[in-house]
Amino acid sequence: YVTSWEDYRVDAGGIACYSSTDLYNWEPEGVALAAETSDTSS
C-alpha cells in the first residue's frame, strides 16, 4: 500500500533485552515485551 517509495518490512517479534558490563559482550536476557500476534489494532 506504500507507493511513494519502496517500503520493506520484517515482522517484529517483540523487544529483546541484552545485558553487559563492558559494552562488548552481551548476555541475552530474553524478550522484555512480546509482540501481539492476534489483535491487529494493537
PDB file of all heavy atoms in Angstrom:
ATOM      1  N   TYR A   1       0.801  -1.222   0.000  1.00  0.00           N
ATOM      2  CA  TYR A   1       0.000   0.000   0.000  1.00  0.00           C
ATOM      3  C   TYR A   1       0.837   1.278   0.000  1.00  0.00           C
ATOM      4  O   TYR A   1       0.314   2.365  -0.209  1.00  0.00           O
ATOM      5  CB  TYR A   1      -0.987   0.007   1.176  1.00  0.00           C
ATOM      6  CG  TYR A   1      -0.350   0.010   2.546  1.00  0.00           C
ATOM      7  CD1 TYR A   1       0.066   1.202   3.148  1.00  0.00           C
ATOM      8  CD2 TYR A   1      -0.161  -1.172   3.241  1.00  0.00           C
ATOM      9  CE1 TYR A   1       0.655   1.196   4.403  1.00  0.00           C
ATOM     10  CE2 TYR A   1       0.418  -1.188   4.494  1.00  0.00           C
ATOM     11  CZ  TYR A   1       0.825   0.011   5.069  1.00  0.00           C
ATOM     12  OH  TYR A   1       1.411  -0.001   6.314  1.00  0.00           O
ATOM     13  N   VAL A   2       2.140   1.183   0.206  1.00  0.00           N
ATOM     14  CA  VAL A   2       3.014   2.361   0.130  1.00  0.00           C
ATOM     15  C   VAL A   2       3.553   2.428  -1.294  1.00  0.00           C
ATOM     16  O   VAL A   2       4.286   1.546  -1.736  1.00  0.00           O
ATOM     17  CB  VAL A   2       4.183   2.263   1.139  1.00  0.00           C
ATOM     18  CG1 VAL A   2       5.114   3.464   0.995  1.00  0.00           C
ATOM     19  CG2 VAL A   2       3.650   2.170   2.558  1.00  0.00           C
ATOM     20  N   THR A   3       3.177   3.496  -2.014  1.00  0.00           N
ATOM     21  CA  THR A   3       3.562   3.601  -3.428  1.00  0.00           C
ATOM     22  C   THR A   3       4.537   4.739  -3.703  1.00  0.00           C
ATOM     23  O   THR A   3       5.108   4.808  -4.772  1.00  0.00           O
ATOM     24  CB  THR A   3       2.309   3.793  -4.306  1.00  0.00           C
ATOM     25  OG1 THR A   3       1.612   4.966  -3.868  1.00  0.00           O
ATOM     26  CG2 THR A   3       1.399   2.581  -4.215  1.00  0.00           C
ATOM     27  N   SER A   4       4.741   5.637  -2.744  1.00  0.00           N
ATOM     28  CA  SER A   4       5.611   6.788  -2.978  1.00  0.00           C
ATOM     29  C   SER A   4       7.094   6.446  -2.811  1.00  0.00           C
ATOM     30  O   SER A   4       7.950   7.216  -3.235  1.00  0.00           O
ATOM     31  CB  SER A   4       5.234   7.933  -2.035  1.00  0.00           C
ATOM     32  OG  SER A   4       5.363   7.524  -0.690  1.00  0.00           O
ATOM     33  N   TRP A   5       7.400   5.313  -2.201  1.00  0.00           N
ATOM     34  CA  TRP A   5       8.781   4.868  -2.042  1.00  0.00           C
ATOM     35  C   TRP A   5       8.769   3.361  -1.765  1.00  0.00           C
ATOM     36  O   TRP A   5       7.723   2.774  -1.505  1.00  0.00           O
ATOM     37  CB  TRP A   5       9.493   5.640  -0.928  1.00  0.00           C
ATOM     38  CG  TRP A   5       8.837   5.562   0.427  1.00  0.00           C
ATOM     39  CD1 TRP A   5       7.660   6.137   0.807  1.00  0.00           C
ATOM     40  CD2 TRP A   5       9.298   4.850   1.564  1.00  0.00           C
ATOM     41  NE1 TRP A   5       7.371   5.826   2.111  1.00  0.00           N
ATOM     42  CE2 TRP A   5       8.375   5.053   2.613  1.00  0.00           C
ATOM     43  CE3 TRP A   5      10.417   4.075   1.830  1.00  0.00           C
ATOM     44  CZ2 TRP A   5       8.524   4.482   3.865  1.00  0.00           C
ATOM     45  CZ3 TRP A   5      10.567   3.538   3.091  1.00  0.00           C
ATOM     46  CH2 TRP A   5       9.634   3.745   4.082  1.00  0.00           C
ATOM     47  N   GLU A   6       9.912   2.733  -1.857  1.00  0.00           N
ATOM     48  CA  GLU A   6       9.994   1.286  -1.629  1.00  0.00           C
ATOM     49  C   GLU A   6      10.098   1.024  -0.128  1.00  0.00           C
ATOM     50  O   GLU A   6      11.134   1.235   0.475  1.00  0.00           O
ATOM     51  CB  GLU A   6      11.187   0.692  -2.367  1.00  0.00           C
ATOM     52  CG  GLU A   6      11.026   0.717  -3.867  1.00  0.00           C
ATOM     53  CD  GLU A   6      12.179   0.029  -4.575  1.00  0.00           C
ATOM     54  OE1 GLU A   6      12.955  -0.695  -3.937  1.00  0.00           O
ATOM     55  OE2 GLU A   6      12.290   0.233  -5.788  1.00  0.00           O
ATOM     56  N   ASP A   7       9.014   0.565   0.455  1.00  0.00           N
ATOM     57  CA  ASP A   7       8.917   0.329   1.895  1.00  0.00           C
ATOM     58  C   ASP A   7       8.994  -1.179   2.159  1.00  0.00           C
ATOM     59  O   ASP A   7       8.064  -1.902   1.871  1.00  0.00           O
ATOM     60  CB  ASP A   7       7.596   0.910   2.422  1.00  0.00           C
ATOM     61  CG  ASP A   7       7.478   0.819   3.931  1.00  0.00           C
ATOM     62  OD1 ASP A   7       8.410   0.326   4.592  1.00  0.00           O
ATOM     63  OD2 ASP A   7       6.437   1.238   4.459  1.00  0.00           O
ATOM     64  N   TYR A   8      10.132  -1.627   2.701  1.00  0.00           N
ATOM     65  CA  TYR A   8      10.320  -3.041   3.018  1.00  0.00           C
ATOM     66  C   TYR A   8      10.272  -3.221   4.522  1.00  0.00           C
ATOM     67  O   TYR A   8      10.825  -2.413   5.278  1.00  0.00           O
ATOM     68  CB  TYR A   8      11.665  -3.543   2.485  1.00  0.00           C
ATOM     69  CG  TYR A   8      11.695  -3.602   0.977  1.00  0.00           C
ATOM     70  CD1 TYR A   8      12.121  -2.514   0.229  1.00  0.00           C
ATOM     71  CD2 TYR A   8      11.285  -4.743   0.305  1.00  0.00           C
ATOM     72  CE1 TYR A   8      12.144  -2.565  -1.158  1.00  0.00           C
ATOM     73  CE2 TYR A   8      11.304  -4.801  -1.083  1.00  0.00           C
ATOM     74  CZ  TYR A   8      11.740  -3.707  -1.803  1.00  0.00           C
ATOM     75  OH  TYR A   8      11.754  -3.767  -3.167  1.00  0.00           O
ATOM     76  N   ARG A   9       9.640  -4.292   4.966  1.00  0.00           N
ATOM     77  CA  ARG A   9       9.498  -4.539   6.403  1.00  0.00           C
ATOM     78  C   ARG A   9       9.665  -6.022   6.720  1.00  0.00           C
ATOM     79  O   ARG A   9       9.474  -6.877   5.883  1.00  0.00           O
ATOM     80  CB  ARG A   9       8.133  -4.074   6.898  1.00  0.00           C
ATOM     81  CG  ARG A   9       7.917  -2.592   6.696  1.00  0.00           C
ATOM     82  CD  ARG A   9       6.661  -2.125   7.325  1.00  0.00           C
ATOM     83  NE  ARG A   9       6.439  -0.724   6.986  1.00  0.00           N
ATOM     84  CZ  ARG A   9       5.374  -0.057   7.317  1.00  0.00           C
ATOM     85  NH1 ARG A   9       4.411  -0.641   7.990  1.00  0.00           N
ATOM     86  NH2 ARG A   9       5.238   1.207   6.974  1.00  0.00           N
ATOM     87  N   VAL A  10       9.981  -6.245   7.991  1.00  0.00           N
ATOM     88  CA  VAL A  10      10.060  -7.589   8.560  1.00  0.00           C
ATOM     89  C   VAL A  10       9.173  -7.572   9.792  1.00  0.00           C
ATOM     90  O   VAL A  10       9.186  -6.607  10.557  1.00  0.00           O
ATOM     91  CB  VAL A  10      11.508  -7.945   8.965  1.00  0.00           C
ATOM     92  CG1 VAL A  10      11.570  -9.278   9.669  1.00  0.00           C
ATOM     93  CG2 VAL A  10      12.413  -7.930   7.754  1.00  0.00           C
ATOM     94  N   ASP A  11       8.398  -8.628   9.978  1.00  0.00           N
ATOM     95  CA  ASP A  11       7.557  -8.697  11.176  1.00  0.00           C
ATOM     96  C   ASP A  11       8.407  -8.592  12.432  1.00  0.00           C
ATOM     97  O   ASP A  11       9.486  -9.171  12.518  1.00  0.00           O
ATOM     98  CB  ASP A  11       6.766 -10.001  11.204  1.00  0.00           C
ATOM     99  CG  ASP A  11       5.641 -10.025  10.191  1.00  0.00           C
ATOM    100  OD1 ASP A  11       5.284  -8.942   9.680  1.00  0.00           O
ATOM    101  OD2 ASP A  11       5.127 -11.116   9.908  1.00  0.00           O
ATOM    102  N   ALA A  12       7.897  -7.851  13.403  1.00  0.00           N
ATOM    103  CA  ALA A  12       8.598  -7.685  14.668  1.00  0.00           C
ATOM    104  C   ALA A  12       8.164  -8.787  15.634  1.00  0.00           C
ATOM    105  O   ALA A  12       6.999  -9.159  15.673  1.00  0.00           O
ATOM    106  CB  ALA A  12       8.293  -6.314  15.269  1.00  0.00           C
ATOM    107  N   GLY A  13       9.118  -9.278  16.391  1.00  0.00           N
ATOM    108  CA  GLY A  13       8.825 -10.341  17.334  1.00  0.00           C
ATOM    109  C   GLY A  13       8.841  -9.875  18.772  1.00  0.00           C
ATOM    110  O   GLY A  13       9.014 -10.670  19.682  1.00  0.00           O
ATOM    111  N   GLY A  14       8.700  -8.573  18.982  1.00  0.00           N
ATOM    112  CA  GLY A  14       8.731  -8.025  20.334  1.00  0.00           C
ATOM    113  C   GLY A  14      10.008  -7.247  20.586  1.00  0.00           C
ATOM    114  O   GLY A  14      10.713  -6.865  19.658  1.00  0.00           O
ATOM    115  N   ILE A  15      10.316  -7.033  21.863  1.00  0.00           N
ATOM    116  CA  ILE A  15      11.505  -6.285  22.270  1.00  0.00           C
ATOM    117  C   ILE A  15      12.432  -7.220  23.044  1.00  0.00           C
ATOM    118  O   ILE A  15      12.042  -7.810  24.047  1.00  0.00           O
ATOM    119  CB  ILE A  15      11.132  -5.074  23.156  1.00  0.00           C
ATOM    120  CG1 ILE A  15      10.144  -4.159  22.440  1.00  0.00           C
ATOM    121  CG2 ILE A  15      12.377  -4.321  23.602  1.00  0.00           C
ATOM    122  CD1 ILE A  15      10.667  -3.517  21.177  1.00  0.00           C
ATOM    123  N   ALA A  16      13.665  -7.344  22.551  1.00  0.00           N
ATOM    124  CA  ALA A  16      14.668  -8.176  23.202  1.00  0.00           C
ATOM    125  C   ALA A  16      15.438  -7.355  24.227  1.00  0.00           C
ATOM    126  O   ALA A  16      15.531  -6.127  24.114  1.00  0.00           O
ATOM    127  CB  ALA A  16      15.649  -8.730  22.173  1.00  0.00           C
ATOM    128  N   CYS A  17      16.011  -8.043  25.204  1.00  0.00           N
ATOM    129  CA  CYS A  17      16.861  -7.402  26.197  1.00  0.00           C
ATOM    130  C   CYS A  17      18.175  -8.175  26.302  1.00  0.00           C
ATOM    131  O   CYS A  17      18.185  -9.402  26.373  1.00  0.00           O
ATOM    132  CB  CYS A  17      16.170  -7.373  27.553  1.00  0.00           C
ATOM    133  SG  CYS A  17      17.175  -6.604  28.847  1.00  0.00           S
ATOM    134  N   TYR A  18      19.275  -7.433  26.287  1.00  0.00           N
ATOM    135  CA  TYR A  18      20.614  -7.978  26.492  1.00  0.00           C
ATOM    136  C   TYR A  18      21.269  -7.168  27.605  1.00  0.00           C
ATOM    137  O   TYR A  18      20.952  -5.985  27.781  1.00  0.00           O
ATOM    138  CB  TYR A  18      21.464  -7.850  25.217  1.00  0.00           C
ATOM    139  CG  TYR A  18      20.962  -8.670  24.064  1.00  0.00           C
ATOM    140  CD1 TYR A  18      19.975  -8.190  23.215  1.00  0.00           C
ATOM    141  CD2 TYR A  18      21.482  -9.930  23.814  1.00  0.00           C
ATOM    142  CE1 TYR A  18      19.514  -8.944  22.154  1.00  0.00           C
ATOM    143  CE2 TYR A  18      21.026 -10.690  22.745  1.00  0.00           C
ATOM    144  CZ  TYR A  18      20.046 -10.186  21.915  1.00  0.00           C
ATOM    145  OH  TYR A  18      19.595 -10.942  20.865  1.00  0.00           O
ATOM    146  N   SER A  19      22.208  -7.775  28.329  1.00  0.00           N
ATOM    147  CA  SER A  19      22.925  -7.042  29.376  1.00  0.00           C
ATOM    148  C   SER A  19      24.426  -7.201  29.186  1.00  0.00           C
ATOM    149  O   SER A  19      24.899  -8.199  28.630  1.00  0.00           O
ATOM    150  CB  SER A  19      22.517  -7.558  30.763  1.00  0.00           C
ATOM    151  OG  SER A  19      22.929  -8.895  30.932  1.00  0.00           O
ATOM    152  N   SER A  20      25.174  -6.192  29.665  1.00  0.00           N
ATOM    153  CA  SER A  20      26.631  -6.197  29.528  1.00  0.00           C
ATOM    154  C   SER A  20      27.251  -5.319  30.608  1.00  0.00           C
ATOM    155  O   SER A  20      26.649  -4.331  31.039  1.00  0.00           O
ATOM    156  CB  SER A  20      27.023  -5.653  28.150  1.00  0.00           C
ATOM    157  OG  SER A  20      28.419  -5.506  28.038  1.00  0.00           O
ATOM    158  N   THR A  21      28.453  -5.652  31.001  1.00  0.00           N
ATOM    159  CA  THR A  21      29.196  -4.789  31.929  1.00  0.00           C
ATOM    160  C   THR A  21      30.294  -4.023  31.209  1.00  0.00           C
ATOM    161  O   THR A  21      30.874  -3.107  31.785  1.00  0.00           O
ATOM    162  CB  THR A  21      29.826  -5.623  33.067  1.00  0.00           C
ATOM    163  OG1 THR A  21      30.664  -6.631  32.498  1.00  0.00           O
ATOM    164  CG2 THR A  21      28.752  -6.256  33.926  1.00  0.00           C
ATOM    165  N   ASP A  22      30.569  -4.394  29.933  1.00  0.00           N
ATOM    166  CA  ASP A  22      31.680  -3.757  29.222  1.00  0.00           C
ATOM    167  C   ASP A  22      31.331  -3.216  27.832  1.00  0.00           C
ATOM    168  O   ASP A  22      32.198  -2.691  27.138  1.00  0.00           O
ATOM    169  CB  ASP A  22      32.850  -4.731  29.113  1.00  0.00           C
ATOM    170  CG  ASP A  22      32.522  -5.982  28.303  1.00  0.00           C
ATOM    171  OD1 ASP A  22      31.425  -6.062  27.711  1.00  0.00           O
ATOM    172  OD2 ASP A  22      33.374  -6.886  28.283  1.00  0.00           O
ATOM    173  N   LEU A  23      30.093  -3.350  27.402  1.00  0.00           N
ATOM    174  CA  LEU A  23      29.598  -2.910  26.090  1.00  0.00           C
ATOM    175  C   LEU A  23      30.164  -3.695  24.912  1.00  0.00           C
ATOM    176  O   LEU A  23      29.868  -3.391  23.768  1.00  0.00           O
ATOM    177  CB  LEU A  23      29.846  -1.403  25.868  1.00  0.00           C
ATOM    178  CG  LEU A  23      29.126  -0.459  26.822  1.00  0.00           C
ATOM    179  CD1 LEU A  23      29.553   0.979  26.565  1.00  0.00           C
ATOM    180  CD2 LEU A  23      27.618  -0.588  26.668  1.00  0.00           C
ATOM    181  N   TYR A  24      30.970  -4.706  25.174  1.00  0.00           N
ATOM    182  CA  TYR A  24      31.490  -5.584  24.125  1.00  0.00           C
ATOM    183  C   TYR A  24      30.784  -6.937  24.131  1.00  0.00           C
ATOM    184  O   TYR A  24      30.531  -7.513  23.097  1.00  0.00           O
ATOM    185  CB  TYR A  24      32.993  -5.839  24.308  1.00  0.00           C
ATOM    186  CG  TYR A  24      33.870  -4.649  24.060  1.00  0.00           C
ATOM    187  CD1 TYR A  24      34.524  -4.017  25.105  1.00  0.00           C
ATOM    188  CD2 TYR A  24      34.070  -4.164  22.771  1.00  0.00           C
ATOM    189  CE1 TYR A  24      35.346  -2.927  24.881  1.00  0.00           C
ATOM    190  CE2 TYR A  24      34.884  -3.066  22.540  1.00  0.00           C
ATOM    191  CZ  TYR A  24      35.524  -2.462  23.597  1.00  0.00           C
ATOM    192  OH  TYR A  24      36.334  -1.378  23.374  1.00  0.00           O
ATOM    193  N   ASN A  25      30.540  -7.450  25.305  1.00  0.00           N
ATOM    194  CA  ASN A  25      29.990  -8.792  25.486  1.00  0.00           C
ATOM    195  C   ASN A  25      28.585  -8.690  26.047  1.00  0.00           C
ATOM    196  O   ASN A  25      28.375  -8.072  27.091  1.00  0.00           O
ATOM    197  CB  ASN A  25      30.896  -9.587  26.426  1.00  0.00           C
ATOM    198  CG  ASN A  25      32.293  -9.701  25.867  1.00  0.00           C
ATOM    199  OD1 ASN A  25      32.519 -10.452  24.932  1.00  0.00           O
ATOM    200  ND2 ASN A  25      33.226  -8.926  26.391  1.00  0.00           N
ATOM    201  N   TRP A  26      27.635  -9.307  25.349  1.00  0.00           N
ATOM    202  CA  TRP A  26      26.227  -9.152  25.682  1.00  0.00           C
ATOM    203  C   TRP A  26      25.591 -10.497  26.016  1.00  0.00           C
ATOM    204  O   TRP A  26      25.693 -11.445  25.249  1.00  0.00           O
ATOM    205  CB  TRP A  26      25.491  -8.484  24.531  1.00  0.00           C
ATOM    206  CG  TRP A  26      25.938  -7.075  24.353  1.00  0.00           C
ATOM    207  CD1 TRP A  26      26.937  -6.620  23.539  1.00  0.00           C
ATOM    208  CD2 TRP A  26      25.443  -5.946  25.048  1.00  0.00           C
ATOM    209  NE1 TRP A  26      27.077  -5.268  23.681  1.00  0.00           N
ATOM    210  CE2 TRP A  26      26.169  -4.819  24.613  1.00  0.00           C
ATOM    211  CE3 TRP A  26      24.447  -5.760  26.005  1.00  0.00           C
ATOM    212  CZ2 TRP A  26      25.926  -3.548  25.085  1.00  0.00           C
ATOM    213  CZ3 TRP A  26      24.202  -4.481  26.478  1.00  0.00           C
ATOM    214  CH2 TRP A  26      24.944  -3.393  26.016  1.00  0.00           C
ATOM    215  N   GLU A  27      24.921 -10.535  27.135  1.00  0.00           N
ATOM    216  CA  GLU A  27      24.207 -11.717  27.612  1.00  0.00           C
ATOM    217  C   GLU A  27      22.725 -11.573  27.243  1.00  0.00           C
ATOM    218  O   GLU A  27      22.102 -10.564  27.586  1.00  0.00           O
ATOM    219  CB  GLU A  27      24.346 -11.814  29.130  1.00  0.00           C
ATOM    220  CG  GLU A  27      23.662 -12.997  29.748  1.00  0.00           C
ATOM    221  CD  GLU A  27      24.390 -14.296  29.484  1.00  0.00           C
ATOM    222  OE1 GLU A  27      25.605 -14.284  29.233  1.00  0.00           O
ATOM    223  OE2 GLU A  27      23.708 -15.340  29.516  1.00  0.00           O
ATOM    224  N   PRO A  28      22.143 -12.552  26.540  1.00  0.00           N
ATOM    225  CA  PRO A  28      20.711 -12.438  26.226  1.00  0.00           C
ATOM    226  C   PRO A  28      19.871 -12.613  27.487  1.00  0.00           C
ATOM    227  O   PRO A  28      20.051 -13.567  28.239  1.00  0.00           O
ATOM    228  CB  PRO A  28      20.473 -13.587  25.240  1.00  0.00           C
ATOM    229  CG  PRO A  28      21.567 -14.559  25.491  1.00  0.00           C
ATOM    230  CD  PRO A  28      22.741 -13.778  26.010  1.00  0.00           C
ATOM    231  N   GLU A  29      18.972 -11.671  27.729  1.00  0.00           N
ATOM    232  CA  GLU A  29      18.102 -11.710  28.910  1.00  0.00           C
ATOM    233  C   GLU A  29      16.688 -12.149  28.559  1.00  0.00           C
ATOM    234  O   GLU A  29      15.863 -12.311  29.440  1.00  0.00           O
ATOM    235  CB  GLU A  29      18.066 -10.336  29.588  1.00  0.00           C
ATOM    236  CG  GLU A  29      19.413  -9.853  30.102  1.00  0.00           C
ATOM    237  CD  GLU A  29      19.933 -10.646  31.280  1.00  0.00           C
ATOM    238  OE1 GLU A  29      19.158 -11.400  31.906  1.00  0.00           O
ATOM    239  OE2 GLU A  29      21.130 -10.522  31.579  1.00  0.00           O
ATOM    240  N   GLY A  30      16.405 -12.302  27.265  1.00  0.00           N
ATOM    241  CA  GLY A  30      15.087 -12.754  26.840  1.00  0.00           C
ATOM    242  C   GLY A  30      14.251 -11.649  26.227  1.00  0.00           C
ATOM    243  O   GLY A  30      14.742 -10.565  25.911  1.00  0.00           O
ATOM    244  N   VAL A  31      12.976 -11.921  26.077  1.00  0.00           N
ATOM    245  CA  VAL A  31      12.032 -10.963  25.491  1.00  0.00           C
ATOM    246  C   VAL A  31      11.469 -10.091  26.607  1.00  0.00           C
ATOM    247  O   VAL A  31      10.846 -10.583  27.540  1.00  0.00           O
ATOM    248  CB  VAL A  31      10.895 -11.688  24.751  1.00  0.00           C
ATOM    249  CG1 VAL A  31       9.880 -10.702  24.197  1.00  0.00           C
ATOM    250  CG2 VAL A  31      11.463 -12.550  23.619  1.00  0.00           C
ATOM    251  N   ALA A  32      11.710  -8.782  26.513  1.00  0.00           N
ATOM    252  CA  ALA A  32      11.231  -7.839  27.528  1.00  0.00           C
ATOM    253  C   ALA A  32       9.768  -7.474  27.299  1.00  0.00           C
ATOM    254  O   ALA A  32       9.042  -7.190  28.249  1.00  0.00           O
ATOM    255  CB  ALA A  32      12.091  -6.579  27.524  1.00  0.00           C
ATOM    256  N   LEU A  33       9.356  -7.478  26.040  1.00  0.00           N
ATOM    257  CA  LEU A  33       7.976  -7.128  25.687  1.00  0.00           C
ATOM    258  C   LEU A  33       7.601  -7.937  24.442  1.00  0.00           C
ATOM    259  O   LEU A  33       8.215  -7.772  23.390  1.00  0.00           O
ATOM    260  CB  LEU A  33       7.864  -5.624  25.405  1.00  0.00           C
ATOM    261  CG  LEU A  33       6.492  -5.071  25.101  1.00  0.00           C
ATOM    262  CD1 LEU A  33       5.544  -5.264  26.282  1.00  0.00           C
ATOM    263  CD2 LEU A  33       6.588  -3.589  24.753  1.00  0.00           C
ATOM    264  N   ALA A  34       6.638  -8.816  24.588  1.00  0.00           N
ATOM    265  CA  ALA A  34       6.245  -9.689  23.484  1.00  0.00           C
ATOM    266  C   ALA A  34       5.365  -8.948  22.480  1.00  0.00           C
ATOM    267  O   ALA A  34       4.632  -8.027  22.841  1.00  0.00           O
ATOM    268  CB  ALA A  34       5.495 -10.907  24.024  1.00  0.00           C
ATOM    269  N   ALA A  35       5.439  -9.371  21.237  1.00  0.00           N
ATOM    270  CA  ALA A  35       4.581  -8.813  20.190  1.00  0.00           C
ATOM    271  C   ALA A  35       3.168  -9.373  20.338  1.00  0.00           C
ATOM    272  O   ALA A  35       2.974 -10.483  20.823  1.00  0.00           O
ATOM    273  CB  ALA A  35       5.128  -9.177  18.818  1.00  0.00           C
ATOM    274  N   GLU A  36       2.211  -8.588  19.909  1.00  0.00           N
ATOM    275  CA  GLU A  36       0.800  -9.022  19.888  1.00  0.00           C
ATOM    276  C   GLU A  36       0.551  -9.633  18.519  1.00  0.00           C
ATOM    277  O   GLU A  36       0.711  -8.966  17.499  1.00  0.00           O
ATOM    278  CB  GLU A  36      -0.117  -7.831  20.123  1.00  0.00           C
ATOM    279  CG  GLU A  36      -1.584  -8.096  19.904  1.00  0.00           C
ATOM    280  CD  GLU A  36      -2.130  -9.221  20.773  1.00  0.00           C
ATOM    281  OE1 GLU A  36      -2.006  -9.128  22.006  1.00  0.00           O
ATOM    282  OE2 GLU A  36      -2.680 -10.177  20.199  1.00  0.00           O
ATOM    283  N   THR A  37       0.166 -10.890  18.481  1.00  0.00           N
ATOM    284  CA  THR A  37       0.008 -11.562  17.183  1.00  0.00           C
ATOM    285  C   THR A  37      -1.441 -11.666  16.712  1.00  0.00           C
ATOM    286  O   THR A  37      -1.682 -11.891  15.535  1.00  0.00           O
ATOM    287  CB  THR A  37       0.612 -12.988  17.246  1.00  0.00           C
ATOM    288  OG1 THR A  37      -0.021 -13.700  18.310  1.00  0.00           O
ATOM    289  CG2 THR A  37       2.108 -12.931  17.484  1.00  0.00           C
ATOM    290  N   SER A  38      -2.404 -11.477  17.622  1.00  0.00           N
ATOM    291  CA  SER A  38      -3.801 -11.681  17.198  1.00  0.00           C
ATOM    292  C   SER A  38      -4.580 -10.385  17.011  1.00  0.00           C
ATOM    293  O   SER A  38      -5.482 -10.318  16.179  1.00  0.00           O
ATOM    294  CB  SER A  38      -4.518 -12.593  18.191  1.00  0.00           C
ATOM    295  OG  SER A  38      -4.450 -12.054  19.498  1.00  0.00           O
ATOM    296  N   ASP A  39      -4.280  -9.336  17.749  1.00  0.00           N
ATOM    297  CA  ASP A  39      -5.035  -8.075  17.680  1.00  0.00           C
ATOM    298  C   ASP A  39      -4.322  -7.108  16.740  1.00  0.00           C
ATOM    299  O   ASP A  39      -3.363  -6.456  17.112  1.00  0.00           O
ATOM    300  CB  ASP A  39      -5.169  -7.465  19.075  1.00  0.00           C
ATOM    301  CG  ASP A  39      -5.967  -6.181  19.096  1.00  0.00           C
ATOM    302  OD1 ASP A  39      -6.483  -5.770  18.033  1.00  0.00           O
ATOM    303  OD2 ASP A  39      -6.060  -5.569  20.169  1.00  0.00           O
ATOM    304  N   THR A  40      -4.826  -6.998  15.512  1.00  0.00           N
ATOM    305  CA  THR A  40      -4.174  -6.135  14.515  1.00  0.00           C
ATOM    306  C   THR A  40      -4.279  -4.650  14.837  1.00  0.00           C
ATOM    307  O   THR A  40      -3.555  -3.837  14.281  1.00  0.00           O
ATOM    308  CB  THR A  40      -4.770  -6.387  13.109  1.00  0.00           C
ATOM    309  OG1 THR A  40      -6.176  -6.152  13.146  1.00  0.00           O
ATOM    310  CG2 THR A  40      -4.481  -7.804  12.643  1.00  0.00           C
ATOM    311  N   SER A  41      -5.172  -4.251  15.764  1.00  0.00           N
ATOM    312  CA  SER A  41      -5.291  -2.843  16.132  1.00  0.00           C
ATOM    313  C   SER A  41      -4.334  -2.456  17.264  1.00  0.00           C
ATOM    314  O   SER A  41      -4.196  -1.282  17.595  1.00  0.00           O
ATOM    315  CB  SER A  41      -6.729  -2.511  16.542  1.00  0.00           C
ATOM    316  OG  SER A  41      -7.066  -3.212  17.731  1.00  0.00           O
ATOM    317  N   SER A  42      -3.658  -3.429  17.842  1.00  0.00           N
ATOM    318  CA  SER A  42      -2.737  -3.159  18.941  1.00  0.00           C
ATOM    319  C   SER A  42      -1.459  -2.487  18.447  1.00  0.00           C
ATOM    320  O   SER A  42      -0.933  -2.861  17.387  1.00  0.00           O
ATOM    321  CB  SER A  42      -2.373  -4.471  19.645  1.00  0.00           C
ATOM    322  OG  SER A  42      -1.311  -4.246  20.557  1.00  0.00           O
TER     323      SER A  42
END
